[in-house]
Protein backbone atom coordinates (compact mmCIF):
# COMPACT_ATOMS: atom_id res chain seq x y z
CA MET A 1 -1.74 -83.75 -51.37
CA HIS A 2 1.89 -83.54 -50.36
CA ASN A 3 1.43 -79.97 -49.14
CA LYS A 4 -1.66 -81.03 -47.18
CA GLN A 5 0.26 -83.84 -45.47
CA GLN A 6 3.09 -81.47 -44.59
CA ALA A 7 0.62 -78.90 -43.20
CA THR A 8 -1.08 -81.58 -41.11
CA LEU A 9 2.21 -82.72 -39.60
CA SER A 10 3.26 -79.13 -38.95
CA SER A 11 -0.01 -78.35 -37.15
CA GLN A 12 0.43 -81.46 -35.01
CA SER A 13 3.96 -80.49 -34.06
CA GLN A 14 2.75 -77.01 -33.06
CA VAL A 15 -0.21 -78.27 -31.01
CA ASN A 16 1.45 -77.02 -27.85
CA LYS A 17 4.12 -74.35 -28.08
CA LYS A 18 4.20 -73.61 -24.34
CA LEU A 19 6.30 -76.08 -22.39
CA ILE A 20 7.53 -76.64 -18.84
CA ALA A 21 10.96 -78.31 -18.93
CA GLY A 22 10.03 -79.76 -22.32
CA TYR A 23 6.58 -80.99 -21.34
CA ASP A 24 3.00 -79.84 -22.01
CA PHE A 25 2.53 -76.52 -20.17
CA TRP A 26 -1.25 -76.52 -19.93
CA LEU A 27 -1.68 -80.19 -19.03
CA MET A 28 1.03 -80.08 -16.39
CA GLY A 29 -0.06 -76.69 -15.04
CA ILE A 30 -3.74 -77.54 -14.69
CA SER A 31 -2.96 -80.95 -13.16
CA LEU A 32 -0.73 -79.27 -10.55
CA LEU A 33 -3.42 -76.62 -9.97
CA ILE A 34 -6.04 -79.28 -9.19
CA LEU A 35 -3.54 -81.13 -6.98
CA CYS A 36 -2.64 -78.03 -4.96
CA PHE A 37 -6.25 -76.94 -4.67
CA GLY A 38 -7.09 -80.48 -3.56
CA LEU A 39 -4.68 -80.10 -0.64
CA ILE A 40 -6.46 -76.86 0.33
CA MET A 41 -9.88 -78.51 0.15
CA VAL A 42 -8.74 -81.59 2.10
CA THR A 43 -7.49 -79.24 4.81
CA SER A 44 -10.72 -77.27 4.84
CA ALA A 45 -12.97 -80.35 4.81
CA SER A 46 -11.05 -82.33 7.44
CA ILE A 47 -9.87 -79.70 9.92
CA SER A 48 -12.67 -80.31 12.43
CA ILE A 49 -12.59 -84.10 12.34
CA SER A 50 -8.77 -84.08 12.47
CA ALA A 51 -8.82 -81.93 15.60
CA LYS A 52 -11.40 -84.18 17.25
CA GLU A 53 -9.96 -87.60 16.37
CA PHE A 54 -6.21 -86.90 16.30
CA ASP A 55 -5.84 -83.66 18.25
CA ASP A 56 -4.15 -82.21 15.16
CA PRO A 57 -6.22 -80.00 12.82
CA LEU A 58 -3.79 -80.66 9.97
CA PHE A 59 -3.47 -84.43 10.38
CA TYR A 60 -5.01 -85.29 7.00
CA LEU A 61 -3.13 -82.48 5.27
CA TRP A 62 0.24 -83.89 6.34
CA ARG A 63 -0.67 -87.38 5.13
CA GLN A 64 -2.09 -86.14 1.84
CA SER A 65 0.98 -83.94 1.30
CA VAL A 66 3.27 -86.94 1.74
CA ALA A 67 1.19 -88.87 -0.82
CA ALA A 68 1.37 -85.89 -3.20
CA LEU A 69 5.17 -85.76 -2.91
CA ILE A 70 5.41 -89.52 -3.53
CA GLY A 71 3.07 -89.20 -6.51
CA LEU A 72 5.06 -86.32 -8.00
CA PHE A 73 8.29 -88.25 -7.42
CA PHE A 74 6.96 -91.27 -9.33
CA ALA A 75 5.56 -88.99 -12.05
CA SER A 76 8.97 -87.32 -12.49
CA ILE A 77 10.56 -90.75 -12.99
CA ILE A 78 7.82 -91.85 -15.39
CA LEU A 79 8.43 -88.74 -17.52
CA LYS A 80 11.83 -90.21 -18.41
CA ILE A 81 10.57 -93.72 -19.23
CA PRO A 82 9.82 -94.42 -22.93
CA ILE A 83 6.24 -95.49 -23.59
CA HIS A 84 7.36 -98.72 -25.26
CA PHE A 85 8.53 -99.88 -21.81
CA TRP A 86 4.90 -99.97 -20.61
CA GLU A 87 3.94 -101.97 -23.68
CA ALA A 88 6.69 -104.49 -23.00
CA VAL A 89 5.63 -105.07 -19.39
CA SER A 90 1.85 -104.66 -19.83
CA VAL A 91 1.00 -108.36 -19.44
CA SER A 92 3.30 -108.68 -16.42
CA LEU A 93 1.60 -105.67 -14.83
CA LEU A 94 -1.80 -107.30 -15.33
CA MET A 95 -0.59 -110.48 -13.64
CA MET A 96 0.78 -108.41 -10.76
CA GLY A 97 -2.56 -106.63 -10.41
CA ILE A 98 -4.54 -109.89 -10.31
CA PHE A 99 -2.07 -111.28 -7.77
CA LEU A 100 -2.59 -108.23 -5.53
CA LEU A 101 -6.38 -108.58 -5.74
CA ILE A 102 -6.15 -112.25 -4.75
CA LEU A 103 -3.63 -111.51 -2.00
CA ILE A 104 -5.87 -108.89 -0.44
CA LEU A 105 -8.67 -111.44 0.05
CA ILE A 106 -6.49 -113.81 2.10
CA PRO A 107 -7.33 -113.55 5.82
CA GLY A 108 -4.44 -112.11 7.80
CA ILE A 109 -3.04 -110.26 4.79
CA GLY A 110 -5.96 -108.09 3.73
CA LYS A 111 -6.95 -105.29 6.09
CA GLU A 112 -10.65 -104.69 6.69
CA VAL A 113 -11.96 -101.14 7.08
CA ASN A 114 -15.68 -100.31 7.36
CA GLY A 115 -16.67 -103.79 6.23
CA SER A 116 -14.48 -103.80 3.10
CA MET A 117 -11.28 -105.82 2.59
CA ARG A 118 -9.41 -103.48 0.24
CA TRP A 119 -6.03 -102.79 1.83
CA ILE A 120 -2.71 -104.52 2.47
CA GLN A 121 -0.79 -103.11 5.41
CA LEU A 122 2.85 -102.41 4.55
CA GLY A 123 4.38 -101.03 7.75
CA PRO A 124 3.04 -97.50 8.25
CA PHE A 125 1.46 -97.51 4.77
CA SER A 126 -1.67 -99.19 3.39
CA LEU A 127 -1.85 -100.36 -0.23
CA GLN A 128 -5.31 -100.26 -1.82
CA ALA A 129 -4.93 -102.83 -4.58
CA SER A 130 -7.76 -101.51 -6.76
CA GLU A 131 -5.87 -98.27 -7.44
CA PRO A 132 -2.72 -99.64 -9.16
CA VAL A 133 -4.93 -102.20 -10.91
CA LYS A 134 -6.53 -99.31 -12.81
CA LEU A 135 -3.15 -98.35 -14.28
CA PHE A 136 -2.15 -101.98 -14.89
CA PHE A 137 -5.38 -102.85 -16.70
CA ILE A 138 -5.24 -99.78 -18.96
CA ALA A 139 -1.66 -100.70 -19.94
CA TYR A 140 -2.68 -104.32 -20.60
CA LEU A 141 -5.73 -103.38 -22.69
CA ALA A 142 -3.74 -100.85 -24.73
CA GLY A 143 -1.13 -103.54 -25.45
CA TYR A 144 -3.80 -106.10 -26.29
CA MET A 145 -5.47 -103.69 -28.73
CA VAL A 146 -2.15 -103.21 -30.52
CA ARG A 147 -1.35 -106.94 -30.71
CA HIS A 148 -4.87 -107.82 -31.94
CA ARG A 149 -5.80 -104.56 -33.64
CA GLU A 150 -7.67 -105.98 -36.64
CA THR A 151 -9.18 -108.84 -34.66
CA VAL A 152 -10.61 -106.44 -32.08
CA ARG A 153 -12.26 -104.41 -34.84
CA THR A 154 -13.66 -107.25 -36.91
CA ASN A 155 -13.92 -110.42 -34.82
CA PHE A 156 -16.07 -111.30 -31.83
CA THR A 157 -13.23 -113.31 -30.24
CA GLY A 158 -10.90 -110.32 -30.32
CA PHE A 159 -13.48 -108.24 -28.46
CA ILE A 160 -14.53 -110.85 -25.88
CA SER A 161 -11.02 -111.84 -24.70
CA PRO A 162 -10.25 -108.61 -22.78
CA ILE A 163 -13.84 -108.61 -21.47
CA ILE A 164 -13.20 -112.04 -19.92
CA VAL A 165 -10.06 -110.68 -18.23
CA LEU A 166 -12.04 -107.66 -17.03
CA THR A 167 -14.78 -109.94 -15.67
CA LEU A 168 -12.19 -111.87 -13.63
CA ILE A 169 -10.82 -108.61 -12.19
CA SER A 170 -14.37 -107.41 -11.50
CA ILE A 171 -15.21 -110.58 -9.56
CA LEU A 172 -12.14 -110.08 -7.37
CA LEU A 173 -13.08 -106.41 -6.84
CA LEU A 174 -16.66 -107.30 -5.93
CA LEU A 175 -15.41 -109.79 -3.34
CA GLU A 176 -13.71 -106.93 -1.44
CA PRO A 177 -16.31 -105.39 -2.18
CA ASP A 178 -15.43 -102.43 -4.44
CA PHE A 179 -18.32 -101.79 -6.78
CA GLY A 180 -17.14 -98.30 -7.71
CA ALA A 181 -13.80 -99.47 -9.12
CA THR A 182 -15.64 -102.16 -11.08
CA VAL A 183 -17.91 -99.60 -12.73
CA VAL A 184 -14.97 -97.33 -13.59
CA LEU A 185 -12.95 -100.18 -15.15
CA PHE A 186 -15.92 -101.42 -17.19
CA GLY A 187 -16.60 -97.92 -18.50
CA THR A 188 -12.94 -97.32 -19.31
CA ALA A 189 -12.51 -100.68 -21.08
CA LEU A 190 -15.60 -100.26 -23.23
CA GLY A 191 -14.58 -96.69 -24.09
CA MET A 192 -11.07 -97.77 -25.10
CA LEU A 193 -12.41 -100.58 -27.29
CA PHE A 194 -14.83 -98.20 -28.99
CA MET A 195 -12.09 -95.65 -29.65
CA GLY A 196 -9.94 -98.49 -30.95
CA GLY A 197 -12.42 -99.06 -33.79
CA VAL A 198 -14.98 -101.58 -32.50
CA SER A 199 -18.21 -101.31 -34.50
CA LEU A 200 -21.02 -99.28 -32.98
CA ILE A 201 -23.43 -102.24 -33.05
CA ARG A 202 -21.06 -104.55 -31.15
CA PHE A 203 -20.11 -101.76 -28.76
CA SER A 204 -23.77 -100.94 -28.01
CA ALA A 205 -24.54 -104.62 -27.40
CA TRP A 206 -21.73 -104.95 -24.88
CA VAL A 207 -22.64 -101.71 -23.16
CA SER A 208 -26.11 -103.17 -22.64
CA VAL A 209 -24.62 -106.39 -21.26
CA ALA A 210 -22.30 -104.45 -18.91
CA VAL A 211 -25.16 -102.25 -17.64
CA ALA A 212 -27.34 -105.30 -17.07
CA PHE A 213 -24.54 -107.12 -15.22
CA LEU A 214 -23.65 -104.17 -12.97
CA SER A 215 -27.31 -103.40 -12.29
CA THR A 216 -27.95 -107.02 -11.29
CA VAL A 217 -24.95 -107.02 -8.96
CA ALA A 218 -26.18 -103.77 -7.38
CA VAL A 219 -29.76 -104.98 -6.86
CA LEU A 220 -28.84 -108.43 -5.50
CA SER A 221 -26.57 -107.00 -2.79
CA PRO A 222 -28.57 -105.78 0.24
CA TYR A 223 -26.31 -102.85 1.12
CA ARG A 224 -26.05 -101.71 -2.51
CA LEU A 225 -29.83 -101.98 -2.88
CA GLN A 226 -30.20 -99.81 0.21
CA ARG A 227 -27.87 -97.22 -1.33
CA LEU A 228 -29.88 -97.32 -4.54
CA MET A 229 -33.18 -96.78 -2.75
CA SER A 230 -31.80 -93.92 -0.65
CA PHE A 231 -30.48 -92.33 -3.85
CA VAL A 232 -33.95 -92.44 -5.45
CA ASP A 233 -35.55 -90.63 -2.49
CA PRO A 234 -33.02 -89.55 0.17
CA TRP A 235 -35.62 -87.36 1.93
CA LYS A 236 -37.73 -90.43 2.72
CA ASP A 237 -35.26 -91.35 5.46
CA PRO A 238 -33.08 -88.23 5.91
CA TYR A 239 -31.66 -89.31 9.30
CA ASP A 240 -30.53 -92.81 8.32
CA SER A 241 -30.07 -94.26 4.81
CA GLY A 242 -30.49 -90.88 3.11
CA PHE A 243 -28.46 -88.88 5.62
CA GLN A 244 -25.25 -88.59 3.60
CA LEU A 245 -26.94 -87.49 0.39
CA THR A 246 -29.32 -85.02 2.07
CA GLN A 247 -26.39 -83.36 3.83
CA ALA A 248 -24.53 -83.13 0.51
CA LEU A 249 -27.54 -81.53 -1.14
CA ILE A 250 -27.86 -79.06 1.73
CA ALA A 251 -24.21 -78.10 1.15
CA PHE A 252 -24.95 -77.41 -2.52
CA GLY A 253 -27.97 -75.31 -1.56
CA GLN A 254 -26.02 -73.24 0.94
CA GLY A 255 -23.26 -72.58 -1.61
CA ASP A 256 -25.59 -70.61 -3.89
CA TRP A 257 -23.74 -68.69 -6.64
CA PHE A 258 -20.47 -67.70 -4.96
CA GLY A 259 -20.30 -69.86 -1.84
CA VAL A 260 -20.02 -69.09 1.85
CA GLY A 261 -16.25 -68.58 1.63
CA LEU A 262 -13.22 -70.88 1.67
CA GLY A 263 -13.02 -72.63 5.03
CA SER A 264 -16.52 -71.52 6.12
CA SER A 265 -18.49 -74.67 5.32
CA VAL A 266 -21.02 -75.70 7.95
CA GLN A 267 -21.75 -79.18 6.58
CA LYS A 268 -18.18 -80.35 7.17
CA LEU A 269 -18.68 -79.78 10.91
CA PHE A 270 -19.72 -83.40 11.63
CA TYR A 271 -22.88 -83.16 9.48
CA LEU A 272 -21.55 -84.55 6.19
CA PRO A 273 -19.87 -87.98 6.55
CA GLU A 274 -16.67 -88.55 4.52
CA ALA A 275 -16.44 -84.81 3.80
CA HIS A 276 -12.73 -84.99 2.97
CA THR A 277 -12.96 -88.14 0.81
CA ASP A 278 -16.01 -89.13 -1.23
CA PHE A 279 -17.95 -85.89 -0.65
CA ILE A 280 -15.23 -83.27 -0.92
CA PHE A 281 -16.96 -81.77 -3.97
CA SER A 282 -19.99 -80.95 -1.78
CA VAL A 283 -17.76 -78.97 0.57
CA LEU A 284 -16.23 -77.22 -2.43
CA ALA A 285 -19.71 -76.36 -3.73
CA GLU A 286 -20.72 -74.95 -0.35
CA GLU A 287 -17.58 -72.85 0.09
CA LEU A 288 -17.09 -71.68 -3.52
CA GLY A 289 -20.63 -71.91 -4.87
CA LEU A 290 -21.80 -72.64 -8.39
CA LEU A 291 -18.97 -70.59 -9.90
CA GLY A 292 -16.29 -72.63 -8.13
CA SER A 293 -18.03 -75.93 -8.97
CA ILE A 294 -18.28 -75.13 -12.68
CA THR A 295 -14.65 -73.98 -12.74
CA MET A 296 -13.51 -77.30 -11.28
CA ILE A 297 -15.63 -79.27 -13.75
CA LEU A 298 -14.09 -77.29 -16.61
CA LEU A 299 -10.57 -78.06 -15.35
CA TYR A 300 -11.32 -81.80 -15.35
CA SER A 301 -12.94 -81.46 -18.77
CA PHE A 302 -9.75 -79.86 -20.10
CA ILE A 303 -7.61 -82.78 -18.88
CA VAL A 304 -9.94 -85.32 -20.50
CA TRP A 305 -10.06 -83.32 -23.75
CA ARG A 306 -6.28 -82.95 -23.77
CA ALA A 307 -5.83 -86.70 -23.23
CA PHE A 308 -8.03 -87.42 -26.26
CA VAL A 309 -6.13 -84.90 -28.38
CA ILE A 310 -2.80 -86.44 -27.35
CA GLY A 311 -4.16 -89.91 -28.12
CA HIS A 312 -5.44 -88.79 -31.52
CA ILE A 313 -2.07 -87.30 -32.49
CA ALA A 314 -0.29 -90.49 -31.37
CA GLU A 315 -2.67 -92.51 -33.52
CA ARG A 316 -2.02 -90.25 -36.54
CA VAL A 317 1.73 -90.97 -36.29
CA GLU A 318 0.94 -94.69 -35.85
CA LYS A 319 1.97 -94.92 -32.20
CA TYR A 320 -1.03 -97.07 -31.41
CA PHE A 321 -0.09 -98.25 -27.92
CA ALA A 322 0.57 -94.67 -26.81
CA ALA A 323 -2.72 -93.58 -28.39
CA TYR A 324 -4.83 -96.23 -26.65
CA PHE A 325 -3.00 -95.61 -23.37
CA ALA A 326 -3.77 -91.88 -23.61
CA TYR A 327 -7.42 -92.61 -24.41
CA GLY A 328 -7.62 -94.91 -21.39
CA ILE A 329 -6.11 -92.30 -19.07
CA GLY A 330 -8.56 -89.65 -20.30
CA LEU A 331 -11.49 -92.04 -19.90
CA ILE A 332 -10.62 -93.21 -16.38
CA ILE A 333 -10.09 -89.66 -15.12
CA GLY A 334 -13.26 -88.44 -16.80
CA ILE A 335 -15.45 -91.35 -15.71
CA GLN A 336 -14.26 -91.32 -12.10
CA ALA A 337 -14.63 -87.53 -11.82
CA TYR A 338 -18.08 -87.70 -13.43
CA ILE A 339 -19.27 -90.42 -11.04
CA ASN A 340 -17.88 -88.67 -7.94
CA ILE A 341 -19.45 -85.33 -8.89
CA GLY A 342 -22.69 -87.06 -9.88
CA VAL A 343 -22.86 -88.82 -6.51
CA ASN A 344 -22.26 -85.53 -4.69
CA MET A 345 -25.06 -83.87 -6.67
CA GLY A 346 -27.49 -86.72 -6.08
CA VAL A 347 -27.80 -87.77 -9.73
CA LEU A 348 -25.94 -91.09 -9.22
CA PRO A 349 -26.04 -93.69 -6.40
CA THR A 350 -23.22 -93.57 -3.85
CA LYS A 351 -20.16 -95.46 -5.15
CA GLY A 352 -17.34 -94.63 -2.74
CA LEU A 353 -15.00 -93.22 -5.40
CA THR A 354 -12.48 -90.45 -4.87
CA LEU A 355 -12.39 -87.27 -6.94
CA PRO A 356 -9.09 -87.58 -8.88
CA LEU A 357 -6.23 -85.48 -7.44
CA MET A 358 -8.57 -83.83 -4.91
CA SER A 359 -10.13 -86.29 -2.46
CA TYR A 360 -8.17 -87.55 0.52
CA GLY A 361 -6.63 -90.90 -0.28
CA GLY A 362 -2.93 -91.53 -0.79
CA ASN A 363 -3.21 -94.55 -3.12
CA SER A 364 -5.60 -92.78 -5.47
CA LEU A 365 -3.51 -89.61 -5.53
CA ILE A 366 -0.27 -91.45 -6.29
CA VAL A 367 -1.79 -93.52 -9.10
CA PHE A 368 -3.42 -90.51 -10.78
CA CYS A 369 -0.10 -88.64 -10.61
CA MET A 370 1.52 -91.61 -12.34
CA LEU A 371 -1.20 -91.71 -15.01
CA LEU A 372 -0.73 -88.02 -15.74
CA GLY A 373 3.04 -88.56 -15.89
CA ILE A 374 2.47 -91.23 -18.56
CA LEU A 375 0.15 -88.87 -20.46
CA LEU A 376 2.77 -86.13 -20.41
CA ARG A 377 5.34 -88.62 -21.70
CA VAL A 378 3.03 -89.60 -24.58
CA GLU A 379 2.65 -85.93 -25.53
CA TYR A 380 6.42 -85.44 -25.33
CA GLU A 381 7.09 -88.39 -27.63
CA ASN A 382 4.38 -87.19 -30.03
CA ARG A 383 6.26 -83.92 -30.52
CA GLN A 384 9.57 -85.71 -31.04
CA ASP A 385 8.04 -88.00 -33.67
CA THR A 386 6.19 -85.26 -35.56
CA ARG A 387 9.34 -83.12 -35.65
CA HIS A 388 11.30 -86.09 -36.99
CA ILE A 389 8.70 -86.73 -39.69
CA ILE A 390 8.55 -83.05 -40.67
CA THR A 391 12.37 -82.91 -40.90
CA ASN A 392 12.32 -85.87 -43.29
CA VAL A 393 9.29 -84.68 -45.25
CA GLU A 394 10.27 -81.05 -45.89
CA PRO A 395 13.34 -81.67 -48.14
CA ALA A 396 11.33 -84.05 -50.30
CA TYR A 397 8.78 -81.33 -51.11
CA ALA A 398 11.16 -78.40 -51.13
CA GLY A 399 10.65 -77.90 -54.83
């Protein structure tokens, strides 16, 4: 038994031998690869509209590059911050997030764009409150699950308390309105609670409640109902309500196996609305084909898988906050990428969500860089802890 325990700890400490400046080589490398390729795709998808609207073909590239540099700067700082710091400030972060969501709804403070009040103008920059709220809520829920670990697993009250907090945040998001962020947060919260040990029966019951609630919200809102109907049959009205989805599907069809070539998309030339934001994956599919699309899906799948592995190792060494935080990061990246790609392919209704690290959108890019910085820090601390345990364990079993 002692030898088995030692072997387990040794295998955990060797889970990633390749490092970049002491941090996970594959996780950091693939994240940077997606980020850099995202800049290329934003340039390709936006070059025509940038030239027309701003007389600068690279307008969106410059803005996205600035956001990428800011995101990498914050990530580099976060790499040096111990994970227990996030646990200590998790409740304060939640309060800050709720305050931002309330602030954004106050006339004169919130900035309305395309019928949605989601931004606060800060000089030349716009803050989209729903993006940092994703990070803040994951930190809060991870901390809550540590403080009430047994209660969450065994008691209805322990499970319902964070759901009440999430419902409050969801109401504020729906007032903007931001249905997509609400769906992502619900999915992430339920996933974290399940991975934290909530029974399958209670988890299934609350998934049913969440699906019923979100479906009701979608059906009762006229513009969301219109999106839902156009998703069911976009070809019924291909020049109005179904226009965006039909153009995305045409892009997929034109991409075939190997694509029409990087930069050669036709659909981005004023046919496909939001080509550089919500529907950037359609442009990628047209230019790089099925092969490029599958490659990108595999890269996202690796990040999600790696986050779960990191979380599992943290849980094995009893770093529960770090474990739940890692699970939450993997879930939110996976769920948001899945929804965005599903929307582009026509298998999910339009939600208005960015593709993590790829779509144009400075707030989203910065927050996902920060989340990945936290994940890299968790992995780094895992290795330090497993090495410390192995150092203490080995002499005891030397004989």
